[in-house]
Amino acid sequence: MTEHPGLTADRLRTLLSGNDIDVVGDLRIELISGGRSNLTFDVRDDVHHWVARRPPMGGLTPSAHDMEREWAVTSALADTAVPVAATVAIDRSGDVIGAPCTIVDYVDGPVVRSVDDLATLTDDQVTAGAHALVRTLADLHAVDYEAVGLGDFGRPDGFAARQVKLWSRQWGIVKDRELPDLDKLVGILTDRVPKTAGRSIVHGDLRIDNAILSPDDPGAVAAVVDWELSALGDPITDIALMCVYREPVFSTVLGFDAAWTSDRYPSADELAQRYAQASGTDLGDWAFYLGLANLKLGVIAAGISHRAREGGSSGGDGAELAGEATATFIARGLEAVS
């Protein structure tokens, strides 16, 4: 039985038993490798197979590791066209686990994180997987959030403007140097916020490695994961972020050659156009959304290095180098809005 300081078998058994889950035999806990955000664990007993998630163990920034948010949105999406893992148990306050924690059913299927993972797929499967991800995003944005009980999940009006302010504030928390271009980008985005926008559930972090593909068809999505940045907001922010993740510098953020940056996937422009067709949505001021997505990723990259300096990295070796991508993302954002 393997344990981790962030999730011990005794505490996990207490949480599961408190939610009327009959644990059979010993609990076996393994930290799933990869990722720079919430800690994700493979959990098994003699009968069941689950996945547990909790925030990193140090260097936290506000709202970036919201377990209650993940729980609410995945519970609400259970009977929609958006594939999600079935929810099992939650420790909202962290009184049991030591930090907020969610448990969901394990979903079988490949997760394509690295270029090496991508090498196992044919070109047709790679393209089909990207197209399926875009369709899933369009399906998410089509969900009637009030009908599924998420009417109080957030304030969709003014979402983009709040995002500019949020990531500007986050930069103030995690920055290790002055970056005048970031302040310049924030100023331009503040003045350019679209006056009208759509309203939907937004994932806030969707790319190919935040999805589990079908074990029988890697061109289909079995489940979307990593919902801690989800909200009610402007759906175009989601597709813009998916496109900006295609930037090669994103591999620096993850610390390995990321699959989603591979030129085997459709280009960012093709993904955006496919989304527009699938959703029937006009992309509006696309340059603004690309600028905002680059700001967000630049600050997230700095936050990963910040957590590493604080001793709370969940991403393995190289996390302290993630912030080197910040300036590149900000430059790309300025190019977009120019």
C-alpha atoms as a PDB file:
ATOM      1  CA  MET A   1       0.000   0.000   0.000  1.00  0.00           C
ATOM      2  CA  THR A   2       1.470   3.312  -1.123  1.00  0.00           C
ATOM      3  CA  GLU A   3       0.503   6.563   0.542  1.00  0.00           C
ATOM      4  CA  HIS A   4       1.267  10.219   0.018  1.00  0.00           C
ATOM      5  CA  PRO A   5       1.460  12.975   2.654  1.00  0.00           C
ATOM      6  CA  GLY A   6      -1.482  14.651   0.968  1.00  0.00           C
ATOM      7  CA  LEU A   7      -3.784  11.622   1.119  1.00  0.00           C
ATOM      8  CA  THR A   8      -3.511   8.882   3.731  1.00  0.00           C
ATOM      9  CA  ALA A   9      -5.490   5.640   3.733  1.00  0.00           C
ATOM     10  CA  ASP A  10      -6.974   6.135   7.207  1.00  0.00           C
ATOM     11  CA  ARG A  11      -8.374   9.554   6.415  1.00  0.00           C
ATOM     12  CA  LEU A  12      -9.615   8.484   3.007  1.00  0.00           C
ATOM     13  CA  ARG A  13     -11.397   5.467   4.506  1.00  0.00           C
ATOM     14  CA  THR A  14     -13.099   7.791   6.986  1.00  0.00           C
ATOM     15  CA  LEU A  15     -14.319  10.040   4.161  1.00  0.00           C
ATOM     16  CA  LEU A  16     -15.618   7.156   2.076  1.00  0.00           C
ATOM     17  CA  SER A  17     -17.310   5.442   5.008  1.00  0.00           C
ATOM     18  CA  GLY A  18     -18.945   8.741   5.981  1.00  0.00           C
ATOM     19  CA  ASN A  19     -20.515   8.799   2.521  1.00  0.00           C
ATOM     20  CA  ASP A  20     -21.907   5.256   2.874  1.00  0.00           C
ATOM     21  CA  ILE A  21     -19.211   3.715   0.679  1.00  0.00           C
ATOM     22  CA  ASP A  22     -18.297   0.195   1.767  1.00  0.00           C
ATOM     23  CA  VAL A  23     -14.519  -0.035   1.476  1.00  0.00           C
ATOM     24  CA  VAL A  24     -13.495  -3.637   0.760  1.00  0.00           C
ATOM     25  CA  GLY A  25     -10.008  -4.574   1.923  1.00  0.00           C
ATOM     26  CA  ASP A  26      -7.016  -2.234   2.015  1.00  0.00           C
ATOM     27  CA  LEU A  27      -6.962   1.092   0.226  1.00  0.00           C
ATOM     28  CA  ARG A  28      -4.164   1.466  -2.307  1.00  0.00           C
ATOM     29  CA  ILE A  29      -3.228   5.051  -3.176  1.00  0.00           C
ATOM     30  CA  GLU A  30      -0.919   6.119  -5.992  1.00  0.00           C
ATOM     31  CA  LEU A  31      -0.107   9.681  -7.018  1.00  0.00           C
ATOM     32  CA  ILE A  32      -0.829  10.036 -10.729  1.00  0.00           C
ATOM     33  CA  SER A  33       2.186  11.579 -12.395  1.00  0.00           C
ATOM     34  CA  GLY A  34       1.947  14.711 -14.506  1.00  0.00           C
ATOM     35  CA  GLY A  35       0.173  18.010 -14.054  1.00  0.00           C
ATOM     36  CA  ARG A  36       1.058  21.282 -12.368  1.00  0.00           C
ATOM     37  CA  SER A  37      -2.180  21.857 -10.496  1.00  0.00           C
ATOM     38  CA  ASN A  38      -4.290  19.779  -8.110  1.00  0.00           C
ATOM     39  CA  LEU A  39      -2.824  16.527  -6.793  1.00  0.00           C
ATOM     40  CA  THR A  40      -4.571  13.587  -8.472  1.00  0.00           C
ATOM     41  CA  PHE A  41      -4.528  10.075  -7.035  1.00  0.00           C
ATOM     42  CA  ASP A  42      -5.468   6.617  -8.281  1.00  0.00           C
ATOM     43  CA  VAL A  43      -7.352   4.917  -5.426  1.00  0.00           C
ATOM     44  CA  ARG A  44      -8.419   1.274  -5.246  1.00  0.00           C
ATOM     45  CA  ASP A  45      -9.722  -1.247  -2.772  1.00  0.00           C
ATOM     46  CA  ASP A  46     -10.424  -4.899  -3.545  1.00  0.00           C
ATOM     47  CA  VAL A  47     -13.582  -4.006  -5.506  1.00  0.00           C
ATOM     48  CA  HIS A  48     -13.700  -0.298  -6.360  1.00  0.00           C
ATOM     49  CA  HIS A  49     -11.580   2.027  -8.460  1.00  0.00           C
ATOM     50  CA  TRP A  50     -11.698   5.786  -7.846  1.00  0.00           C
ATOM     51  CA  VAL A  51      -9.806   9.011  -8.508  1.00  0.00           C
ATOM     52  CA  ALA A  52      -9.174  11.498  -5.680  1.00  0.00           C
ATOM     53  CA  ARG A  53      -8.157  15.129  -6.121  1.00  0.00           C
ATOM     54  CA  ARG A  54      -6.976  17.730  -3.640  1.00  0.00           C
ATOM     55  CA  PRO A  55      -5.058  21.042  -3.874  1.00  0.00           C
ATOM     56  CA  PRO A  56      -1.249  21.194  -3.908  1.00  0.00           C
ATOM     57  CA  MET A  57       0.387  21.125  -0.523  1.00  0.00           C
ATOM     58  CA  GLY A  58       1.792  24.655  -0.571  1.00  0.00           C
ATOM     59  CA  GLY A  59       2.035  27.931  -2.449  1.00  0.00           C
ATOM     60  CA  LEU A  60      -1.709  28.200  -3.077  1.00  0.00           C
ATOM     61  CA  THR A  61      -3.272  31.126  -4.897  1.00  0.00           C
ATOM     62  CA  PRO A  62      -6.913  32.144  -4.437  1.00  0.00           C
ATOM     63  CA  SER A  63      -9.562  30.308  -6.498  1.00  0.00           C
ATOM     64  CA  ALA A  64      -7.030  28.258  -8.472  1.00  0.00           C
ATOM     65  CA  HIS A  65      -7.668  24.910  -6.736  1.00  0.00           C
ATOM     66  CA  ASP A  66     -11.398  25.010  -5.970  1.00  0.00           C
ATOM     67  CA  MET A  67     -12.584  21.483  -5.144  1.00  0.00           C
ATOM     68  CA  GLU A  68     -16.151  22.574  -4.388  1.00  0.00           C
ATOM     69  CA  ARG A  69     -16.330  24.058  -7.860  1.00  0.00           C
ATOM     70  CA  GLU A  70     -15.248  20.781  -9.465  1.00  0.00           C
ATOM     71  CA  TRP A  71     -17.791  18.850  -7.430  1.00  0.00           C
ATOM     72  CA  ALA A  72     -20.705  21.158  -8.239  1.00  0.00           C
ATOM     73  CA  VAL A  73     -20.189  21.265 -11.982  1.00  0.00           C
ATOM     74  CA  THR A  74     -19.434  17.564 -12.503  1.00  0.00           C
ATOM     75  CA  SER A  75     -22.450  16.586 -10.405  1.00  0.00           C
ATOM     76  CA  ALA A  76     -24.669  18.882 -12.465  1.00  0.00           C
ATOM     77  CA  LEU A  77     -23.362  17.605 -15.809  1.00  0.00           C
ATOM     78  CA  ALA A  78     -23.984  13.932 -14.988  1.00  0.00           C
ATOM     79  CA  ASP A  79     -27.049  13.609 -17.252  1.00  0.00           C
ATOM     80  CA  THR A  80     -25.975  15.900 -20.073  1.00  0.00           C
ATOM     81  CA  ALA A  81     -24.134  15.346 -23.354  1.00  0.00           C
ATOM     82  CA  VAL A  82     -20.880  16.313 -21.621  1.00  0.00           C
ATOM     83  CA  PRO A  83     -19.033  13.182 -20.432  1.00  0.00           C
ATOM     84  CA  VAL A  84     -17.826  13.400 -16.823  1.00  0.00           C
ATOM     85  CA  ALA A  85     -16.797  10.964 -14.100  1.00  0.00           C
ATOM     86  CA  ALA A  86     -19.531  10.023 -11.607  1.00  0.00           C
ATOM     87  CA  THR A  87     -19.117  11.828  -8.271  1.00  0.00           C
ATOM     88  CA  VAL A  88     -18.650   9.710  -5.119  1.00  0.00           C
ATOM     89  CA  ALA A  89     -17.661  11.813  -2.085  1.00  0.00           C
ATOM     90  CA  ILE A  90     -16.381  15.257  -1.117  1.00  0.00           C
ATOM     91  CA  ASP A  91     -14.582  16.730   1.872  1.00  0.00           C
ATOM     92  CA  ARG A  92     -15.608  20.366   1.434  1.00  0.00           C
ATOM     93  CA  SER A  93     -13.896  21.808   4.480  1.00  0.00           C
ATOM     94  CA  GLY A  94     -10.837  19.567   4.551  1.00  0.00           C
ATOM     95  CA  ASP A  95     -11.636  18.465   8.096  1.00  0.00           C
ATOM     96  CA  VAL A  96     -11.258  14.782   7.158  1.00  0.00           C
ATOM     97  CA  ILE A  97      -8.463  14.685   4.579  1.00  0.00           C
ATOM     98  CA  GLY A  98      -6.591  17.774   5.770  1.00  0.00           C
ATOM     99  CA  ALA A  99      -7.537  19.739   2.644  1.00  0.00           C
ATOM    100  CA  PRO A 100     -10.654  19.900   0.463  1.00  0.00           C
ATOM    101  CA  CYS A 101     -10.888  16.690  -1.547  1.00  0.00           C
ATOM    102  CA  THR A 102     -13.178  15.050  -4.088  1.00  0.00           C
ATOM    103  CA  ILE A 103     -13.590  11.385  -5.013  1.00  0.00           C
ATOM    104  CA  VAL A 104     -15.041  10.292  -8.362  1.00  0.00           C
ATOM    105  CA  ASP A 105     -15.350   6.996 -10.188  1.00  0.00           C
ATOM    106  CA  TYR A 106     -12.370   5.980 -12.289  1.00  0.00           C
ATOM    107  CA  VAL A 107     -12.943   6.345 -16.027  1.00  0.00           C
ATOM    108  CA  ASP A 108     -10.930   3.953 -18.158  1.00  0.00           C
ATOM    109  CA  GLY A 109      -9.160   5.252 -21.230  1.00  0.00           C
ATOM    110  CA  PRO A 110      -5.936   6.859 -22.424  1.00  0.00           C
ATOM    111  CA  VAL A 111      -4.881  10.364 -21.436  1.00  0.00           C
ATOM    112  CA  VAL A 112      -2.660  11.914 -24.090  1.00  0.00           C
ATOM    113  CA  ARG A 113      -0.216  14.177 -22.273  1.00  0.00           C
ATOM    114  CA  SER A 114       3.118  13.923 -24.033  1.00  0.00           C
ATOM    115  CA  VAL A 115       4.417  13.607 -27.556  1.00  0.00           C
ATOM    116  CA  ASP A 116       5.351  10.029 -26.632  1.00  0.00           C
ATOM    117  CA  ASP A 117       1.691   9.321 -25.796  1.00  0.00           C
ATOM    118  CA  LEU A 118       0.707  10.834 -29.108  1.00  0.00           C
ATOM    119  CA  ALA A 119       3.054   8.477 -30.930  1.00  0.00           C
ATOM    120  CA  THR A 120       0.708   5.572 -30.141  1.00  0.00           C
ATOM    121  CA  LEU A 121      -2.079   7.129 -32.254  1.00  0.00           C
ATOM    122  CA  THR A 122      -2.553   7.304 -36.008  1.00  0.00           C
ATOM    123  CA  ASP A 123      -2.909  10.664 -37.735  1.00  0.00           C
ATOM    124  CA  ASP A 124      -6.631  10.004 -38.230  1.00  0.00           C
ATOM    125  CA  GLN A 125      -7.055   9.250 -34.513  1.00  0.00           C
ATOM    126  CA  VAL A 126      -5.148  12.397 -33.546  1.00  0.00           C
ATOM    127  CA  THR A 127      -7.351  14.577 -35.728  1.00  0.00           C
ATOM    128  CA  ALA A 128     -10.538  12.828 -34.618  1.00  0.00           C
ATOM    129  CA  GLY A 129      -9.604  13.331 -30.962  1.00  0.00           C
ATOM    130  CA  ALA A 130      -9.126  17.057 -31.485  1.00  0.00           C
ATOM    131  CA  HIS A 131     -12.411  17.363 -33.323  1.00  0.00           C
ATOM    132  CA  ALA A 132     -14.179  15.411 -30.562  1.00  0.00           C
ATOM    133  CA  LEU A 133     -12.704  17.758 -27.952  1.00  0.00           C
ATOM    134  CA  VAL A 134     -14.042  20.780 -29.838  1.00  0.00           C
ATOM    135  CA  ARG A 135     -17.483  19.170 -30.148  1.00  0.00           C
ATOM    136  CA  THR A 136     -17.443  18.415 -26.430  1.00  0.00           C
ATOM    137  CA  LEU A 137     -16.654  22.062 -25.705  1.00  0.00           C
ATOM    138  CA  ALA A 138     -19.559  23.144 -27.910  1.00  0.00           C
ATOM    139  CA  ASP A 139     -21.816  20.648 -26.096  1.00  0.00           C
ATOM    140  CA  LEU A 140     -20.725  22.097 -22.752  1.00  0.00           C
ATOM    141  CA  HIS A 141     -21.552  25.621 -23.848  1.00  0.00           C
ATOM    142  CA  ALA A 142     -24.976  24.463 -25.065  1.00  0.00           C
ATOM    143  CA  VAL A 143     -25.989  23.112 -21.624  1.00  0.00           C
ATOM    144  CA  ASP A 144     -28.815  25.067 -19.992  1.00  0.00           C
ATOM    145  CA  TYR A 145     -26.975  25.818 -16.752  1.00  0.00           C
ATOM    146  CA  GLU A 146     -30.109  26.871 -14.917  1.00  0.00           C
ATOM    147  CA  ALA A 147     -31.909  23.663 -15.868  1.00  0.00           C
ATOM    148  CA  VAL A 148     -29.077  21.527 -14.424  1.00  0.00           C
ATOM    149  CA  GLY A 149     -29.029  23.462 -11.149  1.00  0.00           C
ATOM    150  CA  LEU A 150     -26.082  25.785 -11.785  1.00  0.00           C
ATOM    151  CA  GLY A 151     -27.986  29.051 -11.874  1.00  0.00           C
ATOM    152  CA  ASP A 152     -26.090  30.179  -8.772  1.00  0.00           C
ATOM    153  CA  PHE A 153     -22.721  28.872  -9.967  1.00  0.00           C
ATOM    154  CA  GLY A 154     -21.472  32.344 -10.786  1.00  0.00           C
ATOM    155  CA  ARG A 155     -22.165  35.641 -12.516  1.00  0.00           C
ATOM    156  CA  PRO A 156     -21.838  35.259 -16.289  1.00  0.00           C
ATOM    157  CA  ASP A 157     -22.347  38.962 -16.975  1.00  0.00           C
ATOM    158  CA  GLY A 158     -19.065  40.848 -16.990  1.00  0.00           C
ATOM    159  CA  PHE A 159     -17.061  37.602 -16.942  1.00  0.00           C
ATOM    160  CA  ALA A 160     -14.322  38.691 -19.352  1.00  0.00           C
ATOM    161  CA  ALA A 161     -13.729  41.951 -17.488  1.00  0.00           C
ATOM    162  CA  ARG A 162     -13.440  40.071 -14.202  1.00  0.00           C
ATOM    163  CA  GLN A 163     -10.998  37.643 -15.790  1.00  0.00           C
ATOM    164  CA  VAL A 164      -8.697  40.500 -16.765  1.00  0.00           C
ATOM    165  CA  LYS A 165      -8.799  41.773 -13.180  1.00  0.00           C
ATOM    166  CA  LEU A 166      -8.405  38.273 -11.704  1.00  0.00           C
ATOM    167  CA  TRP A 167      -5.269  37.403 -13.614  1.00  0.00           C
ATOM    168  CA  SER A 168      -3.829  40.840 -12.977  1.00  0.00           C
ATOM    169  CA  ARG A 169      -4.336  40.266  -9.233  1.00  0.00           C
ATOM    170  CA  GLN A 170      -2.886  36.765  -9.469  1.00  0.00           C
ATOM    171  CA  TRP A 171       0.220  38.202 -11.092  1.00  0.00           C
ATOM    172  CA  GLY A 172       0.643  40.437  -8.056  1.00  0.00           C
ATOM    173  CA  ILE A 173       0.671  37.316  -5.891  1.00  0.00           C
ATOM    174  CA  VAL A 174       3.024  35.098  -7.887  1.00  0.00           C
ATOM    175  CA  LYS A 175       5.367  37.431  -9.783  1.00  0.00           C
ATOM    176  CA  ASP A 176       9.107  37.263  -9.148  1.00  0.00           C
ATOM    177  CA  ARG A 177      10.018  40.257 -11.318  1.00  0.00           C
ATOM    178  CA  GLU A 178       8.514  43.314 -12.926  1.00  0.00           C
ATOM    179  CA  LEU A 179       7.093  42.737 -16.403  1.00  0.00           C
ATOM    180  CA  PRO A 180       5.938  46.030 -17.954  1.00  0.00           C
ATOM    181  CA  ASP A 181       4.510  44.283 -21.029  1.00  0.00           C
ATOM    182  CA  LEU A 182       2.103  42.389 -18.784  1.00  0.00           C
ATOM    183  CA  ASP A 183       0.814  45.626 -17.322  1.00  0.00           C
ATOM    184  CA  LYS A 184       0.504  46.985 -20.863  1.00  0.00           C
ATOM    185  CA  LEU A 185      -1.507  43.950 -21.965  1.00  0.00           C
ATOM    186  CA  VAL A 186      -3.797  44.269 -18.948  1.00  0.00           C
ATOM    187  CA  GLY A 187      -4.422  47.921 -19.823  1.00  0.00           C
ATOM    188  CA  ILE A 188      -5.277  47.148 -23.454  1.00  0.00           C
ATOM    189  CA  LEU A 189      -7.580  44.278 -22.483  1.00  0.00           C
ATOM    190  CA  THR A 190      -9.315  46.410 -19.857  1.00  0.00           C
ATOM    191  CA  ASP A 191     -10.158  49.012 -22.502  1.00  0.00           C
ATOM    192  CA  ARG A 192     -11.206  46.401 -25.067  1.00  0.00           C
ATOM    193  CA  VAL A 193     -13.582  44.143 -23.120  1.00  0.00           C
ATOM    194  CA  PRO A 194     -16.489  43.161 -25.421  1.00  0.00           C
ATOM    195  CA  LYS A 195     -19.711  44.957 -24.561  1.00  0.00           C
ATOM    196  CA  THR A 196     -21.827  41.894 -25.253  1.00  0.00           C
ATOM    197  CA  ALA A 197     -21.003  38.214 -24.716  1.00  0.00           C
ATOM    198  CA  GLY A 198     -22.576  34.792 -24.535  1.00  0.00           C
ATOM    199  CA  ARG A 199     -23.374  33.007 -21.286  1.00  0.00           C
ATOM    200  CA  SER A 200     -22.569  29.385 -20.571  1.00  0.00           C
ATOM    201  CA  ILE A 201     -20.732  26.995 -18.319  1.00  0.00           C
ATOM    202  CA  VAL A 202     -17.041  27.374 -19.124  1.00  0.00           C
ATOM    203  CA  HIS A 203     -14.431  24.757 -18.310  1.00  0.00           C
ATOM    204  CA  GLY A 204     -11.591  27.241 -18.051  1.00  0.00           C
ATOM    205  CA  ASP A 205      -8.761  24.801 -18.854  1.00  0.00           C
ATOM    206  CA  LEU A 206      -9.715  22.450 -21.681  1.00  0.00           C
ATOM    207  CA  ARG A 207      -7.072  20.796 -23.846  1.00  0.00           C
ATOM    208  CA  ILE A 208      -6.441  17.206 -24.905  1.00  0.00           C
ATOM    209  CA  ASP A 209      -4.723  16.101 -21.665  1.00  0.00           C
ATOM    210  CA  ASN A 210      -7.685  17.315 -19.597  1.00  0.00           C
ATOM    211  CA  ALA A 211      -9.808  14.685 -21.289  1.00  0.00           C
ATOM    212  CA  ILE A 212      -9.882  10.903 -21.056  1.00  0.00           C
ATOM    213  CA  LEU A 213     -10.288   9.311 -24.463  1.00  0.00           C
ATOM    214  CA  SER A 214     -12.384   6.241 -25.097  1.00  0.00           C
ATOM    215  CA  PRO A 215     -10.373   3.002 -24.703  1.00  0.00           C
ATOM    216  CA  ASP A 216     -12.144   1.585 -27.764  1.00  0.00           C
ATOM    217  CA  ASP A 217     -11.985   4.741 -29.872  1.00  0.00           C
ATOM    218  CA  PRO A 218      -9.251   7.321 -29.150  1.00  0.00           C
ATOM    219  CA  GLY A 219     -11.117   9.665 -31.469  1.00  0.00           C
ATOM    220  CA  ALA A 220     -13.900   9.978 -28.859  1.00  0.00           C
ATOM    221  CA  VAL A 221     -13.944  11.667 -25.444  1.00  0.00           C
ATOM    222  CA  ALA A 222     -14.893   9.394 -22.517  1.00  0.00           C
ATOM    223  CA  ALA A 223     -14.693  12.095 -19.812  1.00  0.00           C
ATOM    224  CA  VAL A 224     -13.611  15.695 -19.314  1.00  0.00           C
ATOM    225  CA  VAL A 225     -11.589  16.270 -16.133  1.00  0.00           C
ATOM    226  CA  ASP A 226      -9.888  19.118 -14.217  1.00  0.00           C
ATOM    227  CA  TRP A 227     -12.862  21.419 -13.594  1.00  0.00           C
ATOM    228  CA  GLU A 228     -11.339  23.586 -10.852  1.00  0.00           C
ATOM    229  CA  LEU A 229     -11.398  26.729 -13.024  1.00  0.00           C
ATOM    230  CA  SER A 230     -14.942  26.209 -14.288  1.00  0.00           C
ATOM    231  CA  ALA A 231     -17.497  29.002 -13.978  1.00  0.00           C
ATOM    232  CA  LEU A 232     -20.447  30.663 -15.662  1.00  0.00           C
ATOM    233  CA  GLY A 233     -19.052  33.024 -18.221  1.00  0.00           C
ATOM    234  CA  ASP A 234     -18.204  33.877 -21.790  1.00  0.00           C
ATOM    235  CA  PRO A 235     -17.862  30.692 -23.883  1.00  0.00           C
ATOM    236  CA  ILE A 236     -15.386  32.255 -26.319  1.00  0.00           C
ATOM    237  CA  THR A 237     -12.810  32.424 -23.519  1.00  0.00           C
ATOM    238  CA  ASP A 238     -12.780  28.601 -23.520  1.00  0.00           C
ATOM    239  CA  ILE A 239     -12.064  28.069 -27.200  1.00  0.00           C
ATOM    240  CA  ALA A 240      -9.470  30.874 -27.196  1.00  0.00           C
ATOM    241  CA  LEU A 241      -7.626  29.204 -24.330  1.00  0.00           C
ATOM    242  CA  MET A 242      -7.762  25.836 -26.096  1.00  0.00           C
ATOM    243  CA  CYS A 243      -6.146  27.491 -29.118  1.00  0.00           C
ATOM    244  CA  VAL A 244      -3.453  29.340 -27.160  1.00  0.00           C
ATOM    245  CA  TYR A 245      -2.473  26.090 -25.438  1.00  0.00           C
ATOM    246  CA  ARG A 246      -1.243  25.019 -28.886  1.00  0.00           C
ATOM    247  CA  GLU A 247       1.716  27.418 -28.509  1.00  0.00           C
ATOM    248  CA  PRO A 248       5.004  25.445 -28.393  1.00  0.00           C
ATOM    249  CA  VAL A 249       6.115  27.361 -25.278  1.00  0.00           C
ATOM    250  CA  PHE A 250       3.403  25.542 -23.324  1.00  0.00           C
ATOM    251  CA  SER A 251       5.766  22.575 -23.146  1.00  0.00           C
ATOM    252  CA  THR A 252       8.016  24.724 -20.938  1.00  0.00           C
ATOM    253  CA  VAL A 253       5.108  25.188 -18.546  1.00  0.00           C
ATOM    254  CA  LEU A 254       4.456  21.455 -18.252  1.00  0.00           C
ATOM    255  CA  GLY A 255       8.126  20.494 -18.185  1.00  0.00           C
ATOM    256  CA  PHE A 256       7.900  17.995 -21.054  1.00  0.00           C
ATOM    257  CA  ASP A 257       7.029  17.904 -24.757  1.00  0.00           C
ATOM    258  CA  ALA A 258       3.273  18.389 -24.528  1.00  0.00           C
ATOM    259  CA  ALA A 259       1.096  16.466 -26.961  1.00  0.00           C
ATOM    260  CA  TRP A 260      -1.263  19.410 -27.512  1.00  0.00           C
ATOM    261  CA  THR A 261       1.568  21.549 -28.904  1.00  0.00           C
ATOM    262  CA  SER A 262       2.361  18.966 -31.599  1.00  0.00           C
ATOM    263  CA  ASP A 263       1.900  19.975 -35.224  1.00  0.00           C
ATOM    264  CA  ARG A 264       0.060  16.686 -35.717  1.00  0.00           C
ATOM    265  CA  TYR A 265      -2.995  18.358 -34.224  1.00  0.00           C
ATOM    266  CA  PRO A 266      -5.105  20.803 -36.258  1.00  0.00           C
ATOM    267  CA  SER A 267      -3.930  24.406 -36.144  1.00  0.00           C
ATOM    268  CA  ALA A 268      -5.392  26.896 -33.692  1.00  0.00           C
ATOM    269  CA  ASP A 269      -7.224  28.621 -36.545  1.00  0.00           C
ATOM    270  CA  GLU A 270      -8.793  25.344 -37.659  1.00  0.00           C
ATOM    271  CA  LEU A 271      -9.898  24.539 -34.097  1.00  0.00           C
ATOM    272  CA  ALA A 272     -11.484  27.976 -33.748  1.00  0.00           C
ATOM    273  CA  GLN A 273     -13.359  27.665 -37.036  1.00  0.00           C
ATOM    274  CA  ARG A 274     -14.534  24.148 -36.217  1.00  0.00           C
ATOM    275  CA  TYR A 275     -15.845  25.415 -32.870  1.00  0.00           C
ATOM    276  CA  ALA A 276     -17.690  28.273 -34.579  1.00  0.00           C
ATOM    277  CA  GLN A 277     -19.349  25.774 -36.899  1.00  0.00           C
ATOM    278  CA  ALA A 278     -20.177  23.262 -34.144  1.00  0.00           C
ATOM    279  CA  SER A 279     -21.617  25.874 -31.802  1.00  0.00           C
ATOM    280  CA  GLY A 280     -23.151  28.215 -34.354  1.00  0.00           C
ATOM    281  CA  THR A 281     -21.350  31.023 -32.524  1.00  0.00           C
ATOM    282  CA  ASP A 282     -19.615  34.108 -33.848  1.00  0.00           C
ATOM    283  CA  LEU A 283     -16.135  34.421 -32.328  1.00  0.00           C
ATOM    284  CA  GLY A 284     -16.576  38.176 -31.812  1.00  0.00           C
ATOM    285  CA  ASP A 285     -13.446  40.167 -31.012  1.00  0.00           C
ATOM    286  CA  TRP A 286     -11.216  37.129 -31.410  1.00  0.00           C
ATOM    287  CA  ALA A 287      -8.042  39.156 -30.886  1.00  0.00           C
ATOM    288  CA  PHE A 288      -9.257  40.230 -27.429  1.00  0.00           C
ATOM    289  CA  TYR A 289      -9.943  36.634 -26.435  1.00  0.00           C
ATOM    290  CA  LEU A 290      -6.526  35.492 -27.630  1.00  0.00           C
ATOM    291  CA  GLY A 291      -4.935  38.317 -25.640  1.00  0.00           C
ATOM    292  CA  LEU A 292      -6.847  37.321 -22.514  1.00  0.00           C
ATOM    293  CA  ALA A 293      -5.941  33.640 -22.922  1.00  0.00           C
ATOM    294  CA  ASN A 294      -2.267  34.519 -23.233  1.00  0.00           C
ATOM    295  CA  LEU A 295      -2.471  36.685 -20.110  1.00  0.00           C
ATOM    296  CA  LYS A 296      -4.065  33.829 -18.189  1.00  0.00           C
ATOM    297  CA  LEU A 297      -1.482  31.265 -19.278  1.00  0.00           C
ATOM    298  CA  GLY A 298       1.378  33.641 -18.614  1.00  0.00           C
ATOM    299  CA  VAL A 299       0.219  34.154 -15.039  1.00  0.00           C
ATOM    300  CA  ILE A 300      -0.488  30.436 -14.552  1.00  0.00           C
ATOM    301  CA  ALA A 301       3.079  29.680 -15.676  1.00  0.00           C
ATOM    302  CA  ALA A 302       4.402  32.155 -13.106  1.00  0.00           C
ATOM    303  CA  GLY A 303       2.150  30.568 -10.480  1.00  0.00           C
ATOM    304  CA  ILE A 304       3.650  27.139 -11.099  1.00  0.00           C
ATOM    305  CA  SER A 305       7.137  28.501 -10.452  1.00  0.00           C
ATOM    306  CA  HIS A 306       5.786  30.329  -7.401  1.00  0.00           C
ATOM    307  CA  ARG A 307       4.464  27.067  -5.939  1.00  0.00           C
ATOM    308  CA  ALA A 308       7.788  25.389  -6.661  1.00  0.00           C
ATOM    309  CA  ARG A 309       9.626  28.120  -4.738  1.00  0.00           C
ATOM    310  CA  GLU A 310       7.175  27.629  -1.877  1.00  0.00           C
ATOM    311  CA  GLY A 311       7.744  23.870  -1.889  1.00  0.00           C
ATOM    312  CA  GLY A 312       4.250  23.023  -3.087  1.00  0.00           C
ATOM    313  CA  SER A 313       4.800  21.884  -6.678  1.00  0.00           C
ATOM    314  CA  SER A 314       2.810  18.865  -7.852  1.00  0.00           C
ATOM    315  CA  GLY A 315       4.437  18.708 -11.250  1.00  0.00           C
ATOM    316  CA  GLY A 316       7.802  17.075 -10.654  1.00  0.00           C
ATOM    317  CA  ASP A 317      11.174  18.347 -11.776  1.00  0.00           C
ATOM    318  CA  GLY A 318      11.395  21.599 -13.675  1.00  0.00           C
ATOM    319  CA  ALA A 319       8.409  23.370 -12.152  1.00  0.00           C
ATOM    320  CA  GLU A 320      10.610  26.267 -11.125  1.00  0.00           C
ATOM    321  CA  LEU A 321      11.313  26.886 -14.841  1.00  0.00           C
ATOM    322  CA  ALA A 322       7.668  27.225 -15.883  1.00  0.00           C
ATOM    323  CA  GLY A 323       7.715  30.972 -15.292  1.00  0.00           C
ATOM    324  CA  GLU A 324      10.218  31.343 -18.119  1.00  0.00           C
ATOM    325  CA  ALA A 325       7.231  31.004 -20.470  1.00  0.00           C
ATOM    326  CA  THR A 326       5.429  34.003 -18.984  1.00  0.00           C
ATOM    327  CA  ALA A 327       7.136  36.655 -21.093  1.00  0.00           C
ATOM    328  CA  THR A 328       6.473  34.674 -24.285  1.00  0.00           C
ATOM    329  CA  PHE A 329       2.779  34.350 -23.544  1.00  0.00           C
ATOM    330  CA  ILE A 330       2.523  38.052 -22.771  1.00  0.00           C
ATOM    331  CA  ALA A 331       4.325  38.912 -26.021  1.00  0.00           C
ATOM    332  CA  ARG A 332       1.900  36.696 -27.932  1.00  0.00           C
ATOM    333  CA  GLY A 333      -1.005  38.417 -26.205  1.00  0.00           C
ATOM    334  CA  LEU A 334       0.277  41.849 -27.213  1.00  0.00           C
ATOM    335  CA  GLU A 335       0.720  40.643 -30.803  1.00  0.00           C
ATOM    336  CA  ALA A 336      -2.871  39.460 -30.848  1.00  0.00           C
ATOM    337  CA  VAL A 337      -4.427  42.686 -29.615  1.00  0.00           C
ATOM    338  CA  SER A 338      -2.171  44.743 -31.876  1.00  0.00           C
END
